[in-house]
C-alpha atoms as a PDB file:
ATOM      1  CA  MET A   1      48.990 -46.789 -85.290  1.00  0.00           C
ATOM      2  CA  ALA A   2      50.131 -46.822 -88.419  1.00  0.00           C
ATOM      3  CA  LYS A   3      53.804 -45.574 -87.449  1.00  0.00           C
ATOM      4  CA  GLN A   4      53.678 -48.529 -85.088  1.00  0.00           C
ATOM      5  CA  ARG A   5      53.313 -51.129 -88.048  1.00  0.00           C
ATOM      6  CA  SER A   6      55.796 -49.614 -90.006  1.00  0.00           C
ATOM      7  CA  GLN A   7      58.487 -49.675 -87.087  1.00  0.00           C
ATOM      8  CA  ARG A   8      56.986 -53.628 -87.003  1.00  0.00           C
ATOM      9  CA  SER A   9      57.983 -54.185 -90.104  1.00  0.00           C
ATOM     10  CA  ILE A  10      61.128 -52.431 -90.245  1.00  0.00           C
ATOM     11  CA  GLN A  11      62.162 -54.377 -87.262  1.00  0.00           C
ATOM     12  CA  ARG A  12      61.016 -57.661 -88.516  1.00  0.00           C
ATOM     13  CA  ALA A  13      63.140 -57.093 -91.736  1.00  0.00           C
ATOM     14  CA  GLU A  14      66.161 -55.933 -89.841  1.00  0.00           C
ATOM     15  CA  GLN A  15      65.724 -59.647 -87.805  1.00  0.00           C
ATOM     16  CA  ARG A  16      65.126 -61.772 -91.234  1.00  0.00           C
ATOM     17  CA  ALA A  17      68.464 -59.894 -92.484  1.00  0.00           C
ATOM     18  CA  ALA A  18      70.193 -60.711 -89.196  1.00  0.00           C
ATOM     19  CA  GLU A  19      69.156 -63.897 -89.545  1.00  0.00           C
ATOM     20  CA  LYS A  20      70.101 -64.413 -93.295  1.00  0.00           C
ATOM     21  CA  GLN A  21      73.638 -63.092 -92.253  1.00  0.00           C
ATOM     22  CA  GLN A  22      74.182 -65.836 -89.342  1.00  0.00           C
ATOM     23  CA  ARG A  23      72.821 -68.518 -91.789  1.00  0.00           C
ATOM     24  CA  LEU A  24      75.450 -67.287 -94.185  1.00  0.00           C
ATOM     25  CA  GLU A  25      78.193 -67.113 -91.748  1.00  0.00           C
ATOM     26  CA  ALA A  26      77.554 -70.684 -90.319  1.00  0.00           C
ATOM     27  CA  GLN A  27      77.845 -72.090 -93.833  1.00  0.00           C
ATOM     28  CA  ARG A  28      80.769 -70.252 -94.425  1.00  0.00           C
ATOM     29  CA  ALA A  29      82.024 -71.671 -91.335  1.00  0.00           C
ATOM     30  CA  ALA A  30      81.316 -75.083 -91.946  1.00  0.00           C
ATOM     31  CA  GLN A  31      82.915 -75.216 -95.229  1.00  0.00           C
ATOM     32  CA  GLU A  32      86.194 -73.979 -94.047  1.00  0.00           C
ATOM     33  CA  SER A  33      86.138 -75.959 -91.279  1.00  0.00           C
ATOM     34  CA  VAL A  34      86.046 -79.175 -93.543  1.00  0.00           C
ATOM     35  CA  LYS A  35      89.229 -80.652 -93.661  1.00  0.00           C
ATOM     36  CA  ARG A  36      89.948 -82.377 -97.065  1.00  0.00           C
ATOM     37  CA  PRO A  37      92.115 -85.400 -97.781  1.00  0.00           C
ATOM     38  CA  TYR A  38      94.760 -83.289-100.120  1.00  0.00           C
ATOM     39  CA  THR A  39      96.778 -80.188 -99.843  1.00  0.00           C
ATOM     40  CA  LEU A  40      97.708 -77.589-102.434  1.00  0.00           C
ATOM     41  CA  ILE A  41     101.287 -79.594-102.310  1.00  0.00           C
ATOM     42  CA  ASP A  42      99.484 -82.646-103.542  1.00  0.00           C
ATOM     43  CA  SER A  43      97.725 -80.697-106.226  1.00  0.00           C
ATOM     44  CA  MET A  44     101.116 -79.419-107.243  1.00  0.00           C
ATOM     45  CA  LYS A  45     102.797 -82.769-107.284  1.00  0.00           C
ATOM     46  CA  LEU A  46      99.634 -84.693-109.191  1.00  0.00           C
ATOM     47  CA  GLY A  47      99.664 -81.870-111.719  1.00  0.00           C
ATOM     48  CA  ARG A  48     103.440 -82.391-112.547  1.00  0.00           C
ATOM     49  CA  LEU A  49     103.451 -85.704-112.733  1.00  0.00           C
ATOM     50  CA  ALA A  50     100.342 -85.600-115.416  1.00  0.00           C
ATOM     51  CA  ASN A  51     102.519 -83.526-117.675  1.00  0.00           C
ATOM     52  CA  ILE A  52     105.493 -85.690-117.186  1.00  0.00           C
ATOM     53  CA  LEU A  53     103.114 -88.581-118.120  1.00  0.00           C
ATOM     54  CA  PHE A  54     102.131 -86.487-121.437  1.00  0.00           C
ATOM     55  CA  VAL A  55     105.545 -86.080-122.290  1.00  0.00           C
ATOM     56  CA  VAL A  56     106.330 -89.989-121.920  1.00  0.00           C
ATOM     57  CA  PHE A  57     103.310 -90.518-123.940  1.00  0.00           C
ATOM     58  CA  ILE A  58     104.023 -88.229-127.070  1.00  0.00           C
ATOM     59  CA  ILE A  59     107.465 -89.575-127.173  1.00  0.00           C
ATOM     60  CA  VAL A  60     106.529 -93.333-127.275  1.00  0.00           C
ATOM     61  CA  CYS A  61     104.307 -92.020-129.829  1.00  0.00           C
ATOM     62  CA  LEU A  62     106.492 -90.396-132.013  1.00  0.00           C
ATOM     63  CA  ILE A  63     108.875 -93.137-131.508  1.00  0.00           C
ATOM     64  CA  TYR A  64     106.237 -95.694-132.581  1.00  0.00           C
ATOM     65  CA  TYR A  65     104.381 -94.203-135.460  1.00  0.00           C
ATOM     66  CA  TYR A  66     107.731 -92.852-136.973  1.00  0.00           C
ATOM     67  CA  THR A  67     109.340 -96.719-136.712  1.00  0.00           C
ATOM     68  CA  LEU A  68     106.680 -99.382-136.880  1.00  0.00           C
ATOM     69  CA  GLY A  69     103.806 -96.957-138.059  1.00  0.00           C
ATOM     70  CA  ARG A  70     105.763 -96.419-141.201  1.00  0.00           C
ATOM     71  CA  LYS A  71     105.983 -99.856-142.216  1.00  0.00           C
ATOM     72  CA  GLY A  72     102.659-100.631-141.175  1.00  0.00           C
ATOM     73  CA  ASN A  73     103.373-102.844-138.402  1.00  0.00           C
ATOM     74  CA  TYR A  74     100.788-102.002-135.639  1.00  0.00           C
ATOM     75  CA  VAL A  75     101.444-103.555-132.555  1.00  0.00           C
ATOM     76  CA  PHE A  76      98.218-103.764-130.765  1.00  0.00           C
ATOM     77  CA  VAL A  77      99.701-103.880-127.336  1.00  0.00           C
ATOM     78  CA  PHE A  78     101.951-101.217-127.556  1.00  0.00           C
ATOM     79  CA  GLU A  79      99.021 -98.939-128.813  1.00  0.00           C
ATOM     80  CA  VAL A  80      97.158-100.007-125.665  1.00  0.00           C
ATOM     81  CA  PHE A  81      99.962 -98.741-123.602  1.00  0.00           C
ATOM     82  CA  GLY A  82     100.663 -95.664-125.183  1.00  0.00           C
ATOM     83  CA  TYR A  83      96.570 -94.701-124.944  1.00  0.00           C
ATOM     84  CA  SER A  84      96.672 -95.777-121.428  1.00  0.00           C
ATOM     85  CA  ILE A  85      99.427 -93.536-120.317  1.00  0.00           C
ATOM     86  CA  GLU A  86      97.507 -90.493-121.960  1.00  0.00           C
ATOM     87  CA  ALA A  87      94.181 -91.829-120.209  1.00  0.00           C
ATOM     88  CA  ILE A  88      96.012 -91.498-116.786  1.00  0.00           C
ATOM     89  CA  ALA A  89      97.978 -88.007-117.709  1.00  0.00           C
ATOM     90  CA  PHE A  90      94.707 -86.218-118.334  1.00  0.00           C
ATOM     91  CA  VAL A  91      92.681 -87.848-115.524  1.00  0.00           C
ATOM     92  CA  ALA A  92      95.424 -87.146-113.146  1.00  0.00           C
ATOM     93  CA  PHE A  93      95.748 -83.359-114.747  1.00  0.00           C
ATOM     94  CA  THR A  94      92.089 -83.028-114.264  1.00  0.00           C
ATOM     95  CA  MET A  95      92.501 -84.108-110.709  1.00  0.00           C
ATOM     96  CA  SER A  96      95.144 -81.610-110.129  1.00  0.00           C
ATOM     97  CA  VAL A  97      92.827 -78.527-111.435  1.00  0.00           C
ATOM     98  CA  VAL A  98      89.782 -79.902-109.197  1.00  0.00           C
ATOM     99  CA  TRP A  99      91.859 -80.631-106.023  1.00  0.00           C
ATOM    100  CA  MET A 100      93.617 -76.655-106.607  1.00  0.00           C
ATOM    101  CA  ASP A 101      89.934 -75.479-107.588  1.00  0.00           C
ATOM    102  CA  LYS A 102      88.117 -76.770-104.540  1.00  0.00           C
ATOM    103  CA  LEU A 103      90.952 -75.876-101.995  1.00  0.00           C
ATOM    104  CA  VAL A 104      91.555 -72.212-103.398  1.00  0.00           C
ATOM    105  CA  ARG A 105      89.409 -69.531-102.560  1.00  0.00           C
ATOM    106  CA  SER A 106      87.391 -67.012-105.171  1.00  0.00           C
ATOM    107  CA  ARG A 107      89.572 -66.658-108.439  1.00  0.00           C
ATOM    108  CA  LEU A 108      86.580 -67.827-110.593  1.00  0.00           C
ATOM    109  CA  VAL A 109      88.108 -67.102-113.848  1.00  0.00           C
ATOM    110  CA  MET A 110      91.320 -68.815-113.163  1.00  0.00           C
ATOM    111  CA  LYS A 111      89.329 -71.835-112.321  1.00  0.00           C
ATOM    112  CA  ILE A 112      86.970 -71.980-115.466  1.00  0.00           C
ATOM    113  CA  MET A 113      89.988 -70.941-117.638  1.00  0.00           C
ATOM    114  CA  MET A 114      92.121 -74.373-116.407  1.00  0.00           C
ATOM    115  CA  ILE A 115      88.954 -76.550-116.740  1.00  0.00           C
ATOM    116  CA  THR A 116      88.531 -75.531-120.212  1.00  0.00           C
ATOM    117  CA  TYR A 117      92.398 -75.721-121.094  1.00  0.00           C
ATOM    118  CA  ILE A 118      92.211 -79.289-119.893  1.00  0.00           C
ATOM    119  CA  SER A 119      88.901 -79.885-122.091  1.00  0.00           C
ATOM    120  CA  VAL A 120      90.539 -77.778-125.531  1.00  0.00           C
ATOM    121  CA  GLU A 121      93.776 -80.578-124.772  1.00  0.00           C
ATOM    122  CA  VAL A 122      91.493 -83.387-124.783  1.00  0.00           C
ATOM    123  CA  PHE A 123      89.728 -82.547-127.723  1.00  0.00           C
ATOM    124  CA  LEU A 124      92.760 -81.758-129.794  1.00  0.00           C
ATOM    125  CA  MET A 125      94.330 -85.133-128.659  1.00  0.00           C
ATOM    126  CA  LEU A 126      91.631 -86.927-129.941  1.00  0.00           C
ATOM    127  CA  LEU A 127      91.434 -85.354-132.855  1.00  0.00           C
ATOM    128  CA  GLU A 128      95.145 -85.819-133.601  1.00  0.00           C
ATOM    129  CA  PHE A 129      94.863 -89.404-133.165  1.00  0.00           C
ATOM    130  CA  ASP A 130      91.571 -89.735-135.680  1.00  0.00           C
ATOM    131  CA  LEU A 131      89.749 -90.684-132.426  1.00  0.00           C
ATOM    132  CA  ILE A 132      87.314 -88.407-133.514  1.00  0.00           C
ATOM    133  CA  PRO A 133      86.435 -88.236-137.075  1.00  0.00           C
ATOM    134  CA  ILE A 134      86.502 -84.607-138.627  1.00  0.00           C
ATOM    135  CA  GLU A 135      87.546 -84.711-142.251  1.00  0.00           C
ATOM    136  CA  SER A 136      87.991 -80.765-142.261  1.00  0.00           C
ATOM    137  CA  TYR A 137      91.003 -80.865-139.280  1.00  0.00           C
ATOM    138  CA  ASN A 138      94.152 -79.930-140.301  1.00  0.00           C
ATOM    139  CA  GLY A 139      96.532 -80.669-137.125  1.00  0.00           C
ATOM    140  CA  LEU A 140      99.220 -78.805-139.213  1.00  0.00           C
ATOM    141  CA  SER A 141      97.120 -75.464-139.828  1.00  0.00           C
ATOM    142  CA  PHE A 142      99.398 -72.978-138.982  1.00  0.00           C
ATOM    143  CA  TRP A 143      96.737 -70.616-137.359  1.00  0.00           C
ATOM    144  CA  LEU A 144      95.770 -73.627-135.630  1.00  0.00           C
ATOM    145  CA  VAL A 145      99.080 -73.605-134.028  1.00  0.00           C
ATOM    146  CA  ILE A 146      99.194 -70.002-133.313  1.00  0.00           C
ATOM    147  CA  GLY A 147      95.789 -69.845-131.851  1.00  0.00           C
ATOM    148  CA  HIS A 148      96.502 -72.621-129.674  1.00  0.00           C
ATOM    149  CA  SER A 149      99.723 -70.940-128.165  1.00  0.00           C
ATOM    150  CA  ILE A 150      97.770 -67.849-127.778  1.00  0.00           C
ATOM    151  CA  PHE A 151      95.282 -69.491-125.743  1.00  0.00           C
ATOM    152  CA  SER A 152      97.383 -71.904-123.692  1.00  0.00           C
ATOM    153  CA  GLY A 153      99.419 -68.829-122.895  1.00  0.00           C
ATOM    154  CA  LEU A 154      96.232 -66.551-121.320  1.00  0.00           C
ATOM    155  CA  VAL A 155      95.044 -69.862-119.302  1.00  0.00           C
ATOM    156  CA  CYS A 156      98.870 -69.730-117.809  1.00  0.00           C
ATOM    157  CA  PHE A 157      98.627 -65.885-117.024  1.00  0.00           C
ATOM    158  CA  SER A 158      95.423 -66.538-115.495  1.00  0.00           C
ATOM    159  CA  LEU A 159      97.350 -68.612-112.967  1.00  0.00           C
ATOM    160  CA  LEU A 160      98.805 -65.279-111.689  1.00  0.00           C
ATOM    161  CA  MET A 161      95.481 -64.726-109.738  1.00  0.00           C
ATOM    162  CA  LEU A 162      97.077 -67.739-107.229  1.00  0.00           C
ATOM    163  CA  ASP A 163      99.211 -64.764-105.408  1.00  0.00           C
ATOM    164  CA  PRO A 164      99.076 -61.578-107.972  1.00  0.00           C
ATOM    165  CA  SER A 165     101.424 -59.196-105.798  1.00  0.00           C
ATOM    166  CA  ASN A 166     104.234 -61.579-105.411  1.00  0.00           C
ATOM    167  CA  LYS A 167     107.538 -61.035-107.340  1.00  0.00           C
ATOM    168  CA  HIS A 168     108.365 -65.050-107.470  1.00  0.00           C
ATOM    169  CA  MET A 169     104.685 -65.659-108.669  1.00  0.00           C
ATOM    170  CA  GLU A 170     105.360 -63.377-111.529  1.00  0.00           C
ATOM    171  CA  ARG A 171     108.648 -64.686-112.455  1.00  0.00           C
ATOM    172  CA  ILE A 172     107.239 -68.442-112.556  1.00  0.00           C
ATOM    173  CA  ILE A 173     104.509 -67.112-114.826  1.00  0.00           C
ATOM    174  CA  ILE A 174     106.865 -65.234-117.000  1.00  0.00           C
ATOM    175  CA  VAL A 175     109.022 -67.920-117.516  1.00  0.00           C
ATOM    176  CA  THR A 176     106.023 -70.619-118.368  1.00  0.00           C
ATOM    177  CA  SER A 177     104.162 -68.152-120.696  1.00  0.00           C
ATOM    178  CA  THR A 178     107.549 -67.548-122.816  1.00  0.00           C
ATOM    179  CA  ILE A 179     107.760 -71.259-122.976  1.00  0.00           C
ATOM    180  CA  ILE A 180     104.203 -71.683-123.840  1.00  0.00           C
ATOM    181  CA  LEU A 181     104.248 -68.839-126.258  1.00  0.00           C
ATOM    182  CA  SER A 182     107.357 -69.985-128.144  1.00  0.00           C
ATOM    183  CA  GLY A 183     105.048 -72.880-129.524  1.00  0.00           C
ATOM    184  CA  MET A 184     104.104 -70.211-131.999  1.00  0.00           C
ATOM    185  CA  PHE A 185     107.202 -70.858-133.897  1.00  0.00           C
ATOM    186  CA  LEU A 186     106.721 -74.170-134.178  1.00  0.00           C
ATOM    187  CA  GLY A 187     103.564 -73.725-136.513  1.00  0.00           C
ATOM    188  CA  TYR A 188     105.960 -71.518-138.661  1.00  0.00           C
ATOM    189  CA  PHE A 189     108.393 -74.297-138.839  1.00  0.00           C
ATOM    190  CA  GLY A 190     105.353 -76.775-139.883  1.00  0.00           C
ATOM    191  CA  TYR A 191     105.112 -78.909-137.090  1.00  0.00           C
ATOM    192  CA  ARG A 192     101.422 -79.976-136.132  1.00  0.00           C
ATOM    193  CA  VAL A 193      99.838 -79.075-133.343  1.00  0.00           C
ATOM    194  CA  TYR A 194     100.646 -82.320-130.772  1.00  0.00           C
ATOM    195  CA  ALA A 195     104.050 -80.496-130.799  1.00  0.00           C
ATOM    196  CA  SER A 196     102.480 -77.400-128.825  1.00  0.00           C
ATOM    197  CA  ILE A 197     100.871 -79.690-126.526  1.00  0.00           C
ATOM    198  CA  LEU A 198     104.329 -81.122-125.702  1.00  0.00           C
ATOM    199  CA  LEU A 199     105.903 -77.818-125.425  1.00  0.00           C
ATOM    200  CA  ASN A 200     102.750 -76.709-122.960  1.00  0.00           C
ATOM    201  CA  ALA A 201     103.762 -80.100-120.965  1.00  0.00           C
ATOM    202  CA  PHE A 202     107.243 -78.983-120.324  1.00  0.00           C
ATOM    203  CA  ALA A 203     106.312 -75.425-119.478  1.00  0.00           C
ATOM    204  CA  TYR A 204     103.854 -76.666-116.314  1.00  0.00           C
ATOM    205  CA  ILE A 205     106.097 -79.272-115.395  1.00  0.00           C
ATOM    206  CA  PHE A 206     108.511 -76.013-114.953  1.00  0.00           C
ATOM    207  CA  PHE A 207     105.399 -74.297-113.160  1.00  0.00           C
ATOM    208  CA  TYR A 208     104.732 -77.170-110.975  1.00  0.00           C
ATOM    209  CA  SER A 209     107.943 -77.593-109.945  1.00  0.00           C
ATOM    210  CA  ALA A 210     109.002 -74.079-109.252  1.00  0.00           C
ATOM    211  CA  MET A 211     105.557 -73.722-107.653  1.00  0.00           C
ATOM    212  CA  LEU A 212     106.216 -76.736-104.887  1.00  0.00           C
ATOM    213  CA  HIS A 213     109.747 -75.201-104.457  1.00  0.00           C
ATOM    214  CA  GLN A 214     108.555 -71.565-103.228  1.00  0.00           C
ATOM    215  CA  LEU A 215     105.556 -73.119-101.486  1.00  0.00           C
ATOM    216  CA  ARG A 216     108.221 -75.376 -99.202  1.00  0.00           C
ATOM    217  CA  LEU A 217     110.287 -72.028 -98.878  1.00  0.00           C
ATOM    218  CA  GLU A 218     107.178 -70.267 -97.722  1.00  0.00           C
ATOM    219  CA  GLU A 219     107.620 -67.425-100.166  1.00  0.00           C
ATOM    220  CA  ILE A 220     104.560 -68.183-102.028  1.00  0.00           C
ATOM    221  CA  SER A 221     101.220 -67.683-100.004  1.00  0.00           C
ATOM    222  CA  ILE A 222      97.959 -68.692-101.305  1.00  0.00           C
ATOM    223  CA  ASP A 223      94.953 -67.829 -99.710  1.00  0.00           C
ATOM    224  CA  CYS A 224      92.552 -71.598 -99.236  1.00  0.00           C
ATOM    225  CA  TYR A 225      90.299 -72.945 -97.293  1.00  0.00           C
ATOM    226  CA  GLY A 226      90.937 -74.688 -94.182  1.00  0.00           C
ATOM    227  CA  ASP A 227      94.039 -72.328 -93.710  1.00  0.00           C
ATOM    228  CA  ASN A 228      94.878 -72.111 -90.163  1.00  0.00           C
ATOM    229  CA  ALA A 229      96.125 -68.367 -89.158  1.00  0.00           C
ATOM    230  CA  LYS A 230      99.904 -68.345 -88.441  1.00  0.00           C
ATOM    231  CA  SER A 231     101.075 -66.583 -85.467  1.00  0.00           C
ATOM    232  CA  THR A 232     105.143 -65.853 -86.244  1.00  0.00           C
ATOM    233  CA  ALA A 233     107.363 -64.398 -83.517  1.00  0.00           C
ATOM    234  CA  PHE A 234     110.303 -62.364 -84.394  1.00  0.00           C
ATOM    235  CA  SER A 235     113.390 -61.951 -82.309  1.00  0.00           C
ATOM    236  CA  SER A 236     115.964 -59.568 -82.834  1.00  0.00           C
ATOM    237  CA  THR A 237     119.322 -58.142 -80.280  1.00  0.00           C
ATOM    238  CA  MET A 238     119.132 -54.929 -81.788  1.00  0.00           C
ATOM    239  CA  PHE A 239     117.718 -53.324 -78.720  1.00  0.00           C
ATOM    240  CA  ASP A 240     119.268 -55.623 -76.163  1.00  0.00           C
ATOM    241  CA  GLU A 241     121.209 -52.701 -74.569  1.00  0.00           C
ATOM    242  CA  ILE A 242     118.379 -50.224 -74.286  1.00  0.00           C
ATOM    243  CA  PRO A 243     116.743 -50.712 -71.055  1.00  0.00           C
ATOM    244  CA  THR A 244     113.025 -51.382 -71.278  1.00  0.00           C
ATOM    245  CA  MET A 245     110.352 -49.241 -69.576  1.00  0.00           C
ATOM    246  CA  VAL A 246     108.752 -50.468 -66.609  1.00  0.00           C
ATOM    247  CA  GLU A 247     105.186 -49.408 -65.712  1.00  0.00           C
ATOM    248  CA  LYS A 248     104.569 -48.158 -62.759  1.00  0.00           C
ATOM    249  CA  PRO A 249     103.093 -49.726 -59.689  1.00  0.00           C
ATOM    250  CA  VAL A 250      99.360 -48.907 -59.568  1.00  0.00           C
ATOM    251  CA  ARG A 251      99.295 -46.409 -56.242  1.00  0.00           C
ATOM    252  CA  GLU A 252      97.283 -47.309 -53.705  1.00  0.00           C
ATOM    253  CA  ARG A 253      94.132 -45.235 -52.806  1.00  0.00           C
ATOM    254  CA  GLU A 254      95.273 -42.139 -50.358  1.00  0.00           C
ATOM    255  CA  THR A 255      93.050 -40.781 -47.277  1.00  0.00           C
ATOM    256  CA  PHE A 256      92.614 -37.185 -47.457  1.00  0.00           C
ATOM    257  CA  SER A 257      94.934 -36.733 -44.038  1.00  0.00           C
ATOM    258  CA  GLN A 258      97.848 -38.031 -46.472  1.00  0.00           C
ATOM    259  CA  ILE A 259      97.012 -36.224 -49.497  1.00  0.00           C
ATOM    260  CA  ALA A 260      96.902 -33.029 -47.101  1.00  0.00           C
ATOM    261  CA  LYS A 261     100.459 -33.950 -45.652  1.00  0.00           C
ATOM    262  CA  ARG A 262     101.633 -34.927 -48.940  1.00  0.00           C
ATOM    263  CA  ALA A 263     100.319 -31.241 -50.559  1.00  0.00           C
ATOM    264  CA  ALA A 264     101.651 -29.472 -47.339  1.00  0.00           C
ATOM    265  CA  ASN A 265     105.228 -31.137 -48.188  1.00  0.00           C
ATOM    266  CA  LYS A 266     105.236 -29.750 -51.531  1.00  0.00           C
ATOM    267  CA  MET A 267     104.478 -26.202 -50.289  1.00  0.00           C
ATOM    268  CA  SER A 268     107.019 -25.771 -47.885  1.00  0.00           C
ATOM    269  CA  LEU A 269     110.134 -23.820 -48.364  1.00  0.00           C
ATOM    270  CA  GLU A 270     112.403 -26.759 -47.206  1.00  0.00           C
ATOM    271  CA  ASN A 271     111.194 -28.749 -50.383  1.00  0.00           C
ATOM    272  CA  THR A 272     111.052 -26.336 -52.859  1.00  0.00           C
ATOM    273  CA  GLU A 273     113.640 -25.243 -55.199  1.00  0.00           C
ATOM    274  CA  ARG A 274     116.039 -21.987 -54.377  1.00  0.00           C
ATOM    275  CA  GLU A 275     116.397 -19.580 -57.072  1.00  0.00           C
ATOM    276  CA  ILE A 276     119.018 -16.735 -56.879  1.00  0.00           C
ATOM    277  CA  LEU A 277     118.615 -13.235 -58.072  1.00  0.00           C
ATOM    278  CA  THR A 278     121.174 -10.674 -58.371  1.00  0.00           C
ATOM    279  CA  ASP A 279     120.540  -7.121 -58.371  1.00  0.00           C
ATOM    280  CA  LYS A 280     122.401  -5.163 -60.688  1.00  0.00           C
ATOM    281  CA  ASP A 281     123.087  -1.793 -58.665  1.00  0.00           C
ATOM    282  CA  GLU A 282     123.416  -3.088 -55.035  1.00  0.00           C
ATOM    283  CA  LYS A 283     124.544  -7.007 -56.414  1.00  0.00           C
ATOM    284  CA  PHE A 284     122.616  -8.696 -53.120  1.00  0.00           C
ATOM    285  CA  GLU A 285     121.679 -12.068 -53.206  1.00  0.00           C
ATOM    286  CA  TYR A 286     118.026 -12.848 -52.806  1.00  0.00           C
ATOM    287  CA  GLU A 287     116.322 -16.376 -51.517  1.00  0.00           C
ATOM    288  CA  PHE A 288     113.077 -15.869 -51.887  1.00  0.00           C
ATOM    289  CA  GLY A 289     112.531 -12.158 -51.283  1.00  0.00           C
ATOM    290  CA  VAL A 290     114.536 -12.010 -47.996  1.00  0.00           C
ATOM    291  CA  ILE A 291     117.941 -10.546 -47.700  1.00  0.00           C
ATOM    292  CA  GLU A 292     120.410 -12.325 -46.444  1.00  0.00           C
ATOM    293  CA  GLU A 293     123.021  -9.923 -44.792  1.00  0.00           C
ATOM    294  CA  ASP A 294     127.065 -10.326 -45.457  1.00  0.00           C
ATOM    295  CA  ASP A 295     128.994 -11.037 -42.468  1.00  0.00           C
ATOM    296  CA  ASP A 296     132.018  -9.458 -44.415  1.00  0.00           C
ATOM    297  CA  ASP A 297     130.346  -6.118 -44.427  1.00  0.00           C
ATOM    298  CA  ASP A 298     129.292  -6.307 -40.767  1.00  0.00           C
ATOM    299  CA  ASP A 299     132.944  -6.605 -39.933  1.00  0.00           C
ATOM    300  CA  TYR A 300     133.835  -4.001 -41.796  1.00  0.00           C
ATOM    301  CA  GLU A 301     131.837  -1.643 -40.026  1.00  0.00           C
ATOM    302  CA  ASP A 302     132.971  -2.762 -36.892  1.00  0.00           C
ATOM    303  CA  ASP A 303     136.416  -1.875 -37.884  1.00  0.00           C
ATOM    304  CA  ASP A 304     135.371   1.615 -38.963  1.00  0.00           C
ATOM    305  CA  LEU A 305     133.831   2.310 -35.470  1.00  0.00           C
ATOM    306  CA  THR A 306     136.801   1.115 -33.334  1.00  0.00           C
END
């Protein structure tokens, strides 16, 4: 009785595990079957547009604060226009990262670092334009610029997880991270941290442009939800002149009499191969052990008798 109970409990546990596995597989299939209204290329395009808007915003602000701002002539409409561009840029960049996070499988570290990067950039930009009043903040701090560049470089390296074994991806990340890390020299020359943010924008414009180019060429393959399996047909003329192997037709089932006849034909002397053996002493030719008499020798004996 105890053995039967233990077997029943084991069977119930196995059934529960199998049902749980089926539910998980059904959930995964449902997630993968959902068709999203955006693609990875759309995410890359939106990210590039967002960083272009960052560049436009910072250039507009530099022109404004170094011309009208120095004289104390503040134009409210001009400021609203500039900050609207910044807000649109951050919203677009955030949407781009969220789309990519939803499309790309796994890569949790990359997703967290990209979201953290956007949050840090927003916080620094608000500090730079005195929208968050922190008295101890110093945008000219050398260590702040260095720290921001190193952090941005680490975020850029996390993007290598999109396709880590791809040489094209490695080259794109190397160039992008080199542009970002060169922002450390800006701190040495006394520039504010928003100059490093501007350099990052140029780096990501290059990154997204290069990624779009490689995705269109299908040089980079990123595992995304909802991807359909692709079957590629390869053709070559290398082996055109070589005859192809043809399968033998299936032999029909033979009767016992047919098998016996075929075996008898194989064993008959007429169908077997002939071997010629030579005796070293008398040099006679043998065929299956039967000595064939030479006609010339008979003629020679008849001549002697006569």
